[in-house]
Protein backbone atom coordinates (compact mmCIF):
# COMPACT_ATOMS: atom_id res chain seq x y z
CA MET A 1 15.30 -38.92 39.51
CA THR A 2 18.78 -37.85 38.66
CA THR A 3 20.35 -41.18 39.44
CA TYR A 4 17.38 -42.93 37.59
CA ILE A 5 18.05 -40.94 34.50
CA ALA A 6 21.82 -41.57 34.87
CA GLY A 7 20.92 -45.34 35.09
CA LEU A 8 18.92 -45.28 31.99
CA ILE A 9 21.62 -43.57 30.19
CA LEU A 10 24.31 -46.06 31.22
CA LYS A 11 21.95 -48.96 30.34
CA LYS A 12 21.73 -47.67 26.84
CA TYR A 13 25.59 -47.56 26.53
CA PHE A 14 26.14 -50.80 28.18
CA ALA A 15 23.44 -52.59 25.87
CA LEU A 16 25.26 -51.42 22.90
CA PHE A 17 28.90 -52.16 24.19
CA PHE A 18 28.40 -55.49 25.90
CA LYS A 19 27.11 -58.82 24.76
CA SER A 20 23.95 -60.32 26.36
CA PHE A 21 23.62 -57.27 28.64
CA ASP A 22 20.75 -57.77 31.10
CA ASP A 23 19.59 -54.39 32.51
CA ASN A 24 17.99 -56.41 35.40
CA ASP A 25 21.58 -57.02 36.67
CA PHE A 26 22.26 -53.24 36.61
CA ASP A 27 21.20 -51.91 39.78
CA LEU A 28 22.60 -48.40 40.53
CA ASN A 29 22.09 -47.64 44.27
CA LEU A 30 20.00 -44.43 44.92
CA PHE A 31 22.28 -42.82 47.30
CA LYS A 32 25.43 -44.66 47.22
CA GLY A 33 25.33 -44.50 43.47
CA GLU A 34 27.45 -47.62 42.81
CA THR A 35 27.01 -50.85 41.00
CA ALA A 36 29.44 -53.54 39.63
CA LEU A 37 29.33 -56.11 36.62
CA ARG A 38 31.66 -58.96 36.21
CA ASN A 39 33.17 -61.14 33.51
CA LEU A 40 31.68 -59.16 30.52
CA GLU A 41 32.13 -59.80 26.65
CA LEU A 42 32.29 -56.62 24.71
CA ASN A 43 30.73 -56.33 21.39
CA GLU A 44 33.72 -56.70 19.04
CA LYS A 45 31.95 -54.76 16.12
CA ILE A 46 31.69 -51.70 18.45
CA ILE A 47 35.27 -51.94 19.51
CA GLN A 48 36.33 -52.48 15.79
CA GLU A 49 34.58 -49.31 14.79
CA ILE A 50 36.13 -47.15 17.80
CA LEU A 51 39.64 -48.23 17.04
CA ASP A 52 39.18 -48.18 13.32
CA PHE A 53 42.51 -50.09 12.68
CA PRO A 54 42.91 -50.58 8.84
CA ASN A 55 42.65 -54.32 7.71
CA LEU A 56 42.70 -55.50 11.56
CA THR A 57 39.69 -57.31 13.05
CA VAL A 58 38.93 -57.50 16.71
CA VAL A 59 38.06 -61.00 17.60
CA LYS A 60 38.03 -60.89 21.32
CA ALA A 61 37.18 -58.12 23.76
CA SER A 62 36.52 -58.70 27.30
CA VAL A 63 36.65 -57.11 30.85
CA THR A 64 36.97 -58.82 34.23
CA GLN A 65 34.89 -56.21 36.19
CA ILE A 66 33.40 -52.78 35.80
CA ARG A 67 32.29 -50.55 38.70
CA VAL A 68 30.16 -47.55 38.11
CA HIS A 69 30.08 -44.64 40.41
CA ALA A 70 27.19 -42.12 40.05
CA SER A 71 26.10 -40.73 43.34
CA LEU A 72 22.55 -39.01 43.53
CA LEU A 73 23.92 -36.48 46.12
CA GLN A 74 26.99 -35.54 43.99
CA LEU A 75 25.89 -36.07 40.36
CA SER A 76 25.30 -32.39 39.85
CA LYS A 77 28.99 -31.70 40.78
CA GLU A 78 30.71 -34.92 39.93
CA PRO A 79 30.67 -36.91 36.68
CA ILE A 80 29.89 -40.49 36.29
CA ILE A 81 33.00 -42.55 36.73
CA ILE A 82 33.38 -46.00 35.32
CA TYR A 83 36.25 -48.04 36.86
CA VAL A 84 37.53 -51.06 34.82
CA ASP A 85 39.80 -53.69 36.59
CA GLU A 86 41.26 -55.55 33.73
CA ALA A 87 40.33 -55.52 29.83
CA GLU A 88 41.73 -57.80 27.02
CA LEU A 89 41.56 -57.22 23.24
CA VAL A 90 42.96 -59.55 20.37
CA LEU A 91 43.04 -58.16 16.98
CA ILE A 92 44.08 -60.38 13.96
CA GLU A 93 44.63 -59.83 10.25
CA PRO A 94 41.96 -61.47 8.55
CA GLU A 95 42.24 -63.63 5.32
CA ASP A 96 39.18 -61.87 3.83
CA MET A 97 38.61 -58.16 4.02
CA SER A 98 35.37 -56.71 5.41
CA PRO A 99 34.14 -53.09 5.89
CA THR A 100 34.26 -51.47 9.27
CA PRO A 101 31.06 -51.74 11.20
CA GLN A 102 28.85 -48.79 11.37
CA LEU A 103 26.95 -49.10 14.89
CA LEU A 104 27.82 -46.02 16.65
CA SER A 105 25.20 -43.81 15.09
CA GLU A 106 22.91 -44.96 17.90
CA LEU A 107 25.19 -42.90 20.21
CA PHE A 108 26.72 -40.31 17.97
CA PRO A 109 24.11 -39.35 15.28
CA LYS A 110 25.22 -37.98 11.96
CA GLY A 111 23.27 -35.91 9.50
CA THR A 112 20.39 -33.49 10.39
CA GLY A 113 16.72 -33.03 10.69
CA GLN A 114 15.67 -35.99 12.93
CA HIS A 115 18.03 -35.64 16.02
CA SER A 116 17.17 -34.02 19.29
CA GLN A 117 18.67 -31.02 20.81
CA TYR A 118 21.83 -31.43 22.96
CA GLY A 119 20.23 -31.97 26.32
CA TYR A 120 20.64 -33.36 29.86
CA SER A 121 21.15 -36.97 28.88
CA ALA A 122 23.72 -36.10 26.37
CA ASN A 123 25.31 -33.85 28.83
CA ILE A 124 25.60 -36.63 31.20
CA GLY A 125 27.01 -38.95 28.60
CA ASP A 126 29.77 -36.54 27.69
CA GLY A 127 30.67 -36.12 31.25
CA ILE A 128 31.50 -39.82 31.79
CA CYS A 129 34.95 -40.31 33.24
CA LEU A 130 37.03 -43.56 32.87
CA ARG A 131 39.60 -45.32 35.12
CA VAL A 132 41.27 -48.56 33.90
CA LYS A 133 43.81 -50.56 35.82
CA GLN A 134 45.16 -52.64 32.92
CA VAL A 135 44.52 -53.29 29.36
CA ARG A 136 46.24 -56.20 27.27
CA ILE A 137 46.21 -56.13 23.43
CA SER A 138 47.38 -58.84 21.17
CA VAL A 139 47.97 -58.35 17.44
CA LYS A 140 48.36 -61.35 15.21
CA LEU A 141 49.30 -61.11 11.54
CA LEU A 142 49.00 -63.30 8.61
CA GLN A 143 51.97 -65.31 7.36
CA ARG A 144 52.77 -64.46 3.61
CA PRO A 145 53.71 -67.16 1.13
CA GLY A 146 57.51 -67.53 1.08
CA CYS A 147 57.96 -65.49 4.32
CA LEU A 148 58.57 -66.54 7.91
CA PRO A 149 55.74 -66.44 10.35
CA PRO A 150 55.66 -62.75 11.62
CA PRO A 151 56.10 -62.16 15.35
CA GLN A 152 53.02 -61.22 17.55
CA LEU A 153 52.77 -58.01 19.16
CA GLN A 154 51.63 -57.44 22.74
CA ILE A 155 50.61 -54.14 24.29
CA LEU A 156 50.32 -53.60 27.99
CA ILE A 157 48.49 -50.43 29.17
CA GLN A 158 48.42 -49.52 32.82
CA ASP A 159 46.72 -46.86 34.95
CA LEU A 160 44.68 -45.24 32.34
CA ALA A 161 42.60 -42.23 33.30
CA MET A 162 40.12 -40.14 31.17
CA ASN A 163 38.93 -36.84 32.57
CA ILE A 164 36.90 -33.74 31.46
CA CYS A 165 39.08 -30.66 30.95
CA ASP A 166 38.89 -27.11 30.10
CA LEU A 167 40.49 -25.26 27.27
CA ASN A 168 43.83 -25.19 28.80
CA TRP A 169 43.60 -29.12 29.43
CA GLU A 170 43.26 -28.58 33.21
CA ILE A 171 40.97 -31.26 34.74
CA ILE A 172 37.68 -29.67 35.98
CA SER A 173 34.48 -30.72 37.72
CA TRP A 174 31.39 -31.70 35.75
CA VAL A 175 29.57 -28.50 36.68
CA GLN A 176 32.64 -26.35 35.34
CA ALA A 177 32.52 -28.35 32.23
CA GLN A 178 28.83 -27.52 31.68
CA LYS A 179 29.59 -23.83 32.19
CA LEU A 180 32.17 -23.84 29.31
CA ASN A 181 29.38 -24.34 26.55
CA ARG A 182 26.48 -22.39 28.26
CA GLY A 183 24.68 -20.27 25.72
CA GLN A 184 26.74 -21.54 22.73
CA ASP A 185 25.35 -23.12 19.48
CA ILE A 186 28.61 -25.03 18.85
CA LEU A 187 29.75 -27.14 21.72
CA TYR A 188 33.27 -28.38 22.62
CA ILE A 189 33.98 -31.33 24.75
CA PHE A 190 37.61 -31.80 26.01
CA LYS A 191 38.81 -35.11 27.34
CA LEU A 192 42.24 -35.76 28.63
CA CYS A 193 43.42 -39.40 28.68
CA THR A 194 46.76 -40.30 30.41
CA CYS A 195 48.48 -43.66 30.57
CA ASN A 196 51.06 -44.12 33.40
CA SER A 197 52.67 -47.01 31.43
CA VAL A 198 52.51 -48.39 27.97
CA SER A 199 54.82 -51.38 27.09
CA LEU A 200 55.36 -53.05 23.69
CA SER A 201 56.59 -56.57 23.16
CA VAL A 202 56.97 -58.94 20.18
CA ILE A 203 56.90 -62.70 20.59
CA GLU A 204 59.23 -64.72 18.30
CA PRO A 205 57.01 -67.55 16.90
CA SER A 206 59.50 -70.28 16.54
CA SER A 207 60.96 -70.14 20.05
CA GLY A 208 58.24 -68.25 21.81
CA SER A 209 60.76 -65.89 23.33
CA VAL A 210 59.29 -62.41 24.33
CA ILE A 211 61.39 -59.22 23.02
CA ASN A 212 60.66 -56.27 25.18
CA VAL A 213 60.75 -53.47 22.67
CA CYS A 214 60.03 -50.62 25.00
CA GLN A 215 58.76 -50.57 28.47
CA GLN A 216 56.63 -48.24 30.62
CA ILE A 217 56.26 -45.24 28.39
CA PRO A 218 53.95 -42.53 29.65
CA ILE A 219 51.40 -41.51 27.07
CA THR A 220 48.93 -38.47 27.02
CA LEU A 221 46.11 -38.12 24.59
CA ARG A 222 43.93 -35.00 24.17
CA ASN A 223 40.58 -35.40 22.56
CA THR A 224 38.49 -32.40 21.28
CA THR A 225 34.92 -33.29 19.97
CA LYS A 226 32.79 -30.64 18.38
CA LYS A 227 29.11 -30.79 18.35
CA LYS A 228 25.93 -28.96 17.39
CA ARG A 229 23.61 -28.12 20.19
CA GLU A 230 20.61 -27.96 18.02
CA THR A 231 20.99 -31.81 16.72
CA SER A 232 23.58 -33.13 18.99
CA GLN A 233 25.48 -34.04 15.84
CA THR A 234 29.27 -34.65 16.26
CA ILE A 235 30.83 -32.43 13.51
CA GLY A 236 34.52 -32.74 14.39
CA VAL A 237 37.07 -34.71 16.38
CA GLN A 238 40.57 -33.93 16.95
CA ILE A 239 43.05 -36.17 18.74
CA ASP A 240 46.52 -35.19 19.77
CA ILE A 241 49.13 -37.69 21.28
CA GLU A 242 52.08 -37.04 23.35
CA ILE A 243 54.75 -39.80 24.01
CA GLU A 244 57.48 -39.31 26.54
CA ASP A 245 60.72 -40.98 27.09
CA VAL A 246 60.98 -43.68 24.52
CA ASN A 247 64.13 -45.84 25.00
CA LEU A 248 65.03 -48.90 22.82
CA HIS A 249 67.66 -51.31 24.05
CA LEU A 250 67.70 -54.26 21.57
CA THR A 251 70.28 -56.81 20.56
CA PRO A 252 70.74 -57.19 16.69
CA GLN A 253 68.70 -60.35 16.82
CA GLU A 254 65.91 -58.76 18.87
CA LEU A 255 65.96 -55.80 16.30
CA PHE A 256 65.67 -58.23 13.40
CA HIS A 257 62.41 -59.70 14.86
CA THR A 258 60.96 -56.35 15.62
CA ILE A 259 61.59 -55.32 12.06
CA ARG A 260 60.04 -58.25 10.81
CA PHE A 261 56.68 -57.48 12.77
CA LEU A 262 56.87 -53.92 11.52
CA LYS A 263 57.25 -55.12 7.85
CA ALA A 264 54.36 -57.55 8.31
CA LEU A 265 52.30 -54.80 9.76
CA LEU A 266 53.08 -52.44 6.84
CA ARG A 267 51.97 -55.14 4.43
CA CYS A 268 48.75 -55.61 6.43
CA LEU A 269 47.94 -51.95 6.48
CA ASN A 270 48.70 -51.58 2.64
CA ARG A 271 46.47 -54.50 1.59
CA ASN A 272 44.02 -53.93 -1.16
CA GLU A 273 40.52 -54.53 -0.05
CA LYS A 274 39.92 -57.01 -2.87
CA GLN A 275 43.09 -58.81 -2.21
CA GLN A 276 42.60 -62.40 -0.77
CA LEU A 277 45.43 -63.92 1.35
CA THR A 278 45.71 -67.45 2.55
CA LYS A 279 47.98 -68.79 5.24
CA ALA A 280 51.17 -70.50 3.96
C-alpha cells in the first residue's frame, strides 16, 4: 500500500513536470521499488516558473534518463530518491516579454480555506531526494541595434545532490525529518543541495571560441521552506548560497568578451516589460 501511494504521488509530480507523460509506463516494482524513464521532455513552463529568471524564457528542457528508488520495505526509513543521468536547459531572451507561468499551485497551494491538512502524501513529497550526474545550461541573449552579437553563456553542473536535513544542516533520514515537525502547527522543511562542480564558459560568436571563465566551483545551497500544517500552504522560502574557491584566469581579450556578455545580461534583466526588441 505504501509503495502504491508513493507511486500515485510520483505520477502526479511527473504528469505536471513532463510532457506526454504516460502513467502506464511508470511501473514502481513493489519490493525493489525501482523504475526508470528515458528521453523525457520537461514542461518548459514549469521549469520557467521554478527558475524565475527575469526576462529569460526556457525553450528547451530535457533529461536522458530518470530512475526512481522507493522501496516498500524501506520507505518508512528512507526517502524517495530520484536519480537523473543528464539534463539540458536552454534559455533565451525573447523579443516579446510575457508573464511568468503560474502552474505550481497544483503542487504548492496558496491561500486558505480549500486546501487539505498536511498529511502522508505531502510528507512523502517533501521527503524526495535528488541525485543528478550532469546539467548543461545555455543562455542566449538578443543582439541590440548598433552592438556586436553578445557571447553565449554555458553552465555545466556536475554531481548535484539534494538531501533532507535538520536544523544544523546535517543530513538525516526520512524518519528523523518527520520527528522534527511532530506536533507543530508550523512546519519547517530543510533541504541541502550540493554541487561538486559548477563551470562557466562564454562562447565568442564570431569565432566560436570557448572562453573558460571559471571551472569546477563547489557550490552549496540551503533551502528552508515554511508551511502551515492545517492547509499545507507554503508561507515562506529562504535560500542561502555558499560559493567556494572562485578563481578567474582570463587574458585581456577573454575578459573583454566576458564583460560583453555581462553587459548584455544586465540589459536583458533591466528590460521594461512593455519594451519590444528586434534582432539587428
